[in-house]
Amino acid sequence: MTQSRLIQFIHGLSSRIGQFCAYIVLLMTFVSAINAILRYVGKFLGTNLTSNALVEAQWQLFAASFLLGSAYVLSCDKHVRVDVWYGRQGVRGKAWINIAGTLLFLIPFCLFGMWSSWDYVLNSWSRWEVSNSSGGLPLYPIKTLIPVSFFLLLLQGIALLLSSLFSKEES
């Protein structure tokens, strides 16, 4: 597989996952609205109509969109960065900043994130961990997204590194 095809594959994967995250955000919004409506109707009726599962579904959906969306955001070049110096650079200067940032910060950060979360996730799966809240949701699926998201971010970082290394344009 050539470096161009690899970059296209990774960008395509990040794009599809980013589109999936849009549906997660839509679902999260729906769950949040239902939860709020049930809370107010329950207050009016003098009973509790909402549940811990709905509240946990909200934060788990938010976490999933944040974790899975990180690689997509990097692929669109919309991630947070101090743009004071980077914005003034030409294509070649930006490529060198991306190369240095990817090699010195992004790749080590992703590797450390995958390594440090691995036991945490395995422990959660070994116990089929469920929230302590009454009626709470399982925690092992959302915890699994931690190393998965670091892996996807690492892949996107590799695509950024390759495209920066083979950048031909000068401005």
C-alpha atoms as a PDB file:
ATOM      1  CA  MET A   1       0.000   0.000   0.000  1.00  0.00           C
ATOM      2  CA  THR A   2       1.499   3.324  -1.038  1.00  0.00           C
ATOM      3  CA  GLN A   3       1.726   6.201   1.420  1.00  0.00           C
ATOM      4  CA  SER A   4      -0.921   8.115  -0.566  1.00  0.00           C
ATOM      5  CA  ARG A   5      -3.385   5.208  -0.367  1.00  0.00           C
ATOM      6  CA  LEU A   6      -2.655   4.764   3.327  1.00  0.00           C
ATOM      7  CA  ILE A   7      -3.326   8.460   3.976  1.00  0.00           C
ATOM      8  CA  GLN A   8      -6.578   8.256   1.989  1.00  0.00           C
ATOM      9  CA  PHE A   9      -7.640   5.114   3.865  1.00  0.00           C
ATOM     10  CA  ILE A  10      -6.992   6.694   7.273  1.00  0.00           C
ATOM     11  CA  HIS A  11      -8.750   9.929   6.294  1.00  0.00           C
ATOM     12  CA  GLY A  12     -11.702   7.906   5.012  1.00  0.00           C
ATOM     13  CA  LEU A  13     -11.862   5.905   8.230  1.00  0.00           C
ATOM     14  CA  SER A  14     -11.710   9.079  10.332  1.00  0.00           C
ATOM     15  CA  SER A  15     -14.395  10.662   8.170  1.00  0.00           C
ATOM     16  CA  ARG A  16     -16.764   7.710   8.556  1.00  0.00           C
ATOM     17  CA  ILE A  17     -16.216   7.658  12.303  1.00  0.00           C
ATOM     18  CA  GLY A  18     -16.795  11.423  12.386  1.00  0.00           C
ATOM     19  CA  GLN A  19     -20.108  10.953  10.579  1.00  0.00           C
ATOM     20  CA  PHE A  20     -21.019   8.252  13.092  1.00  0.00           C
ATOM     21  CA  CYS A  21     -20.230  10.727  15.887  1.00  0.00           C
ATOM     22  CA  ALA A  22     -22.775  13.124  14.401  1.00  0.00           C
ATOM     23  CA  TYR A  23     -25.427  10.454  14.967  1.00  0.00           C
ATOM     24  CA  ILE A  24     -24.144   9.892  18.494  1.00  0.00           C
ATOM     25  CA  VAL A  25     -24.538  13.616  19.197  1.00  0.00           C
ATOM     26  CA  LEU A  26     -28.046  13.540  17.745  1.00  0.00           C
ATOM     27  CA  LEU A  27     -28.950  10.564  19.946  1.00  0.00           C
ATOM     28  CA  MET A  28     -27.368  12.254  22.962  1.00  0.00           C
ATOM     29  CA  THR A  29     -29.478  15.359  22.315  1.00  0.00           C
ATOM     30  CA  PHE A  30     -32.623  13.242  22.091  1.00  0.00           C
ATOM     31  CA  VAL A  31     -31.805  11.383  25.337  1.00  0.00           C
ATOM     32  CA  SER A  32     -31.063  14.701  27.066  1.00  0.00           C
ATOM     33  CA  ALA A  33     -34.352  16.191  25.901  1.00  0.00           C
ATOM     34  CA  ILE A  34     -36.327  13.120  26.994  1.00  0.00           C
ATOM     35  CA  ASN A  35     -34.577  13.186  30.359  1.00  0.00           C
ATOM     36  CA  ALA A  36     -35.376  16.884  30.866  1.00  0.00           C
ATOM     37  CA  ILE A  37     -39.009  16.443  29.818  1.00  0.00           C
ATOM     38  CA  LEU A  38     -39.445  13.454  32.131  1.00  0.00           C
ATOM     39  CA  ARG A  39     -37.834  15.350  34.988  1.00  0.00           C
ATOM     40  CA  TYR A  40     -40.212  18.324  34.637  1.00  0.00           C
ATOM     41  CA  VAL A  41     -43.313  16.201  34.035  1.00  0.00           C
ATOM     42  CA  GLY A  42     -42.364  14.055  37.024  1.00  0.00           C
ATOM     43  CA  LYS A  43     -41.914  17.154  39.161  1.00  0.00           C
ATOM     44  CA  PHE A  44     -45.366  18.366  38.085  1.00  0.00           C
ATOM     45  CA  LEU A  45     -46.921  14.974  38.850  1.00  0.00           C
ATOM     46  CA  GLY A  46     -44.990  14.590  42.115  1.00  0.00           C
ATOM     47  CA  THR A  47     -43.128  11.448  41.030  1.00  0.00           C
ATOM     48  CA  ASN A  48     -39.754  10.549  39.545  1.00  0.00           C
ATOM     49  CA  LEU A  49     -40.081   9.609  35.869  1.00  0.00           C
ATOM     50  CA  THR A  50     -36.407   9.733  34.940  1.00  0.00           C
ATOM     51  CA  SER A  51     -33.706   7.166  35.718  1.00  0.00           C
ATOM     52  CA  ASN A  52     -30.011   6.888  36.418  1.00  0.00           C
ATOM     53  CA  ALA A  53     -29.700   4.941  33.161  1.00  0.00           C
ATOM     54  CA  LEU A  54     -30.885   7.984  31.172  1.00  0.00           C
ATOM     55  CA  VAL A  55     -28.439  10.272  32.960  1.00  0.00           C
ATOM     56  CA  GLU A  56     -25.607   7.803  32.415  1.00  0.00           C
ATOM     57  CA  ALA A  57     -26.593   7.333  28.783  1.00  0.00           C
ATOM     58  CA  GLN A  58     -26.146  11.098  28.322  1.00  0.00           C
ATOM     59  CA  TRP A  59     -22.607  11.181  29.658  1.00  0.00           C
ATOM     60  CA  GLN A  60     -21.631   7.937  27.939  1.00  0.00           C
ATOM     61  CA  LEU A  61     -22.859   9.234  24.585  1.00  0.00           C
ATOM     62  CA  PHE A  62     -20.990  12.496  25.167  1.00  0.00           C
ATOM     63  CA  ALA A  63     -17.838  10.570  26.074  1.00  0.00           C
ATOM     64  CA  ALA A  64     -18.192   8.360  22.986  1.00  0.00           C
ATOM     65  CA  SER A  65     -18.578  11.367  20.680  1.00  0.00           C
ATOM     66  CA  PHE A  66     -15.593  13.109  22.262  1.00  0.00           C
ATOM     67  CA  LEU A  67     -13.346  10.053  22.248  1.00  0.00           C
ATOM     68  CA  LEU A  68     -14.232   8.788  18.788  1.00  0.00           C
ATOM     69  CA  GLY A  69     -14.384  12.273  17.270  1.00  0.00           C
ATOM     70  CA  SER A  70     -10.821  13.251  18.170  1.00  0.00           C
ATOM     71  CA  ALA A  71      -9.239  11.591  15.123  1.00  0.00           C
ATOM     72  CA  TYR A  72     -11.859  13.137  12.830  1.00  0.00           C
ATOM     73  CA  VAL A  73     -11.183  16.594  14.256  1.00  0.00           C
ATOM     74  CA  LEU A  74      -7.454  16.125  13.627  1.00  0.00           C
ATOM     75  CA  SER A  75      -8.141  14.934  10.069  1.00  0.00           C
ATOM     76  CA  CYS A  76     -10.117  18.140   9.402  1.00  0.00           C
ATOM     77  CA  ASP A  77      -7.342  20.259  10.961  1.00  0.00           C
ATOM     78  CA  LYS A  78      -9.855  21.696  13.460  1.00  0.00           C
ATOM     79  CA  HIS A  79      -8.050  20.619  16.620  1.00  0.00           C
ATOM     80  CA  VAL A  80      -6.930  23.074  19.264  1.00  0.00           C
ATOM     81  CA  ARG A  81      -3.518  24.595  18.718  1.00  0.00           C
ATOM     82  CA  VAL A  82      -1.789  27.841  19.463  1.00  0.00           C
ATOM     83  CA  ASP A  83      -2.165  29.408  16.052  1.00  0.00           C
ATOM     84  CA  VAL A  84      -0.125  32.570  16.629  1.00  0.00           C
ATOM     85  CA  TRP A  85       2.980  31.246  14.922  1.00  0.00           C
ATOM     86  CA  TYR A  86       1.575  28.335  12.905  1.00  0.00           C
ATOM     87  CA  GLY A  87      -0.908  30.534  11.007  1.00  0.00           C
ATOM     88  CA  ARG A  88       1.887  32.733   9.633  1.00  0.00           C
ATOM     89  CA  GLN A  89       3.800  29.818   8.148  1.00  0.00           C
ATOM     90  CA  GLY A  90       3.737  28.672   4.556  1.00  0.00           C
ATOM     91  CA  VAL A  91       2.962  25.130   3.527  1.00  0.00           C
ATOM     92  CA  ARG A  92       6.537  23.966   4.159  1.00  0.00           C
ATOM     93  CA  GLY A  93       6.732  25.656   7.595  1.00  0.00           C
ATOM     94  CA  LYS A  94       3.399  24.170   8.630  1.00  0.00           C
ATOM     95  CA  ALA A  95       4.596  20.760   7.463  1.00  0.00           C
ATOM     96  CA  TRP A  96       7.692  20.987   9.663  1.00  0.00           C
ATOM     97  CA  ILE A  97       5.617  22.072  12.661  1.00  0.00           C
ATOM     98  CA  ASN A  98       3.228  19.165  12.049  1.00  0.00           C
ATOM     99  CA  ILE A  99       6.150  16.726  11.746  1.00  0.00           C
ATOM    100  CA  ALA A 100       7.774  17.938  14.967  1.00  0.00           C
ATOM    101  CA  GLY A 101       4.486  18.093  16.874  1.00  0.00           C
ATOM    102  CA  THR A 102       3.422  14.659  15.696  1.00  0.00           C
ATOM    103  CA  LEU A 103       6.757  12.995  16.492  1.00  0.00           C
ATOM    104  CA  LEU A 104       7.431  14.772  19.793  1.00  0.00           C
ATOM    105  CA  PHE A 105       3.936  15.055  21.239  1.00  0.00           C
ATOM    106  CA  LEU A 106       1.080  13.329  19.409  1.00  0.00           C
ATOM    107  CA  ILE A 107       2.571   9.863  18.848  1.00  0.00           C
ATOM    108  CA  PRO A 108       4.077   9.577  22.372  1.00  0.00           C
ATOM    109  CA  PHE A 109       0.788  10.863  23.863  1.00  0.00           C
ATOM    110  CA  CYS A 110      -1.245   8.268  21.951  1.00  0.00           C
ATOM    111  CA  LEU A 111       1.137   5.426  22.837  1.00  0.00           C
ATOM    112  CA  PHE A 112       1.091   6.439  26.492  1.00  0.00           C
ATOM    113  CA  GLY A 113      -2.717   6.711  26.437  1.00  0.00           C
ATOM    114  CA  MET A 114      -3.106   3.229  24.964  1.00  0.00           C
ATOM    115  CA  TRP A 115      -0.551   1.731  27.347  1.00  0.00           C
ATOM    116  CA  SER A 116      -1.865   3.410  30.503  1.00  0.00           C
ATOM    117  CA  SER A 117      -5.544   2.621  29.812  1.00  0.00           C
ATOM    118  CA  TRP A 118      -5.058  -1.014  28.857  1.00  0.00           C
ATOM    119  CA  ASP A 119      -5.158  -2.507  32.383  1.00  0.00           C
ATOM    120  CA  TYR A 120      -8.006  -0.169  33.323  1.00  0.00           C
ATOM    121  CA  VAL A 121     -10.099  -1.505  30.441  1.00  0.00           C
ATOM    122  CA  LEU A 122      -9.128  -5.147  30.974  1.00  0.00           C
ATOM    123  CA  ASN A 123     -10.035  -4.869  34.647  1.00  0.00           C
ATOM    124  CA  SER A 124     -13.427  -3.416  33.725  1.00  0.00           C
ATOM    125  CA  TRP A 125     -14.104  -6.252  31.251  1.00  0.00           C
ATOM    126  CA  SER A 126     -12.949  -8.939  33.693  1.00  0.00           C
ATOM    127  CA  ARG A 127     -15.574  -7.793  36.204  1.00  0.00           C
ATOM    128  CA  TRP A 128     -18.260  -6.875  33.641  1.00  0.00           C
ATOM    129  CA  GLU A 129     -18.193  -3.551  35.441  1.00  0.00           C
ATOM    130  CA  VAL A 130     -21.501  -1.776  35.938  1.00  0.00           C
ATOM    131  CA  SER A 131     -22.114   1.647  37.435  1.00  0.00           C
ATOM    132  CA  ASN A 132     -22.657   1.810  41.189  1.00  0.00           C
ATOM    133  CA  SER A 133     -25.802   3.853  40.619  1.00  0.00           C
ATOM    134  CA  SER A 134     -29.072   2.018  40.960  1.00  0.00           C
ATOM    135  CA  GLY A 135     -30.198   1.078  37.458  1.00  0.00           C
ATOM    136  CA  GLY A 136     -26.844   2.223  36.071  1.00  0.00           C
ATOM    137  CA  LEU A 137     -25.351   1.129  32.779  1.00  0.00           C
ATOM    138  CA  PRO A 138     -22.384  -1.149  32.063  1.00  0.00           C
ATOM    139  CA  LEU A 139     -19.089   0.759  32.079  1.00  0.00           C
ATOM    140  CA  TYR A 140     -16.794  -1.620  30.190  1.00  0.00           C
ATOM    141  CA  PRO A 141     -18.017  -0.598  26.693  1.00  0.00           C
ATOM    142  CA  ILE A 142     -17.361   3.109  27.238  1.00  0.00           C
ATOM    143  CA  LYS A 143     -14.032   2.392  28.919  1.00  0.00           C
ATOM    144  CA  THR A 144     -13.047   0.323  25.872  1.00  0.00           C
ATOM    145  CA  LEU A 145     -13.322   3.446  23.748  1.00  0.00           C
ATOM    146  CA  ILE A 146     -10.391   5.011  25.599  1.00  0.00           C
ATOM    147  CA  PRO A 147      -7.588   2.924  24.016  1.00  0.00           C
ATOM    148  CA  VAL A 148      -9.607   2.654  20.784  1.00  0.00           C
ATOM    149  CA  SER A 149      -9.736   6.440  20.521  1.00  0.00           C
ATOM    150  CA  PHE A 150      -6.008   6.743  21.196  1.00  0.00           C
ATOM    151  CA  PHE A 151      -5.374   4.162  18.463  1.00  0.00           C
ATOM    152  CA  LEU A 152      -7.572   6.046  15.975  1.00  0.00           C
ATOM    153  CA  LEU A 153      -5.850   9.306  16.911  1.00  0.00           C
ATOM    154  CA  LEU A 154      -2.477   7.594  16.425  1.00  0.00           C
ATOM    155  CA  LEU A 155      -3.538   6.421  12.958  1.00  0.00           C
ATOM    156  CA  GLN A 156      -4.642   9.932  12.043  1.00  0.00           C
ATOM    157  CA  GLY A 157      -1.373  11.276  13.429  1.00  0.00           C
ATOM    158  CA  ILE A 158       0.532   8.886  11.175  1.00  0.00           C
ATOM    159  CA  ALA A 159      -1.505  10.141   8.208  1.00  0.00           C
ATOM    160  CA  LEU A 160      -0.686  13.742   9.214  1.00  0.00           C
ATOM    161  CA  LEU A 161       2.991  12.840   9.550  1.00  0.00           C
ATOM    162  CA  LEU A 162       3.101  11.143   6.137  1.00  0.00           C
ATOM    163  CA  SER A 163       1.258  13.943   4.378  1.00  0.00           C
ATOM    164  CA  SER A 164       3.555  16.503   6.029  1.00  0.00           C
ATOM    165  CA  LEU A 165       6.686  14.542   5.116  1.00  0.00           C
ATOM    166  CA  PHE A 166       5.642  14.243   1.482  1.00  0.00           C
ATOM    167  CA  SER A 167       4.259  17.758   1.161  1.00  0.00           C
ATOM    168  CA  LYS A 168       5.545  19.130  -2.163  1.00  0.00           C
ATOM    169  CA  GLU A 169       3.972  22.585  -2.292  1.00  0.00           C
ATOM    170  CA  GLU A 170       5.748  25.727  -1.167  1.00  0.00           C
ATOM    171  CA  SER A 171       4.116  28.988  -0.255  1.00  0.00           C
END
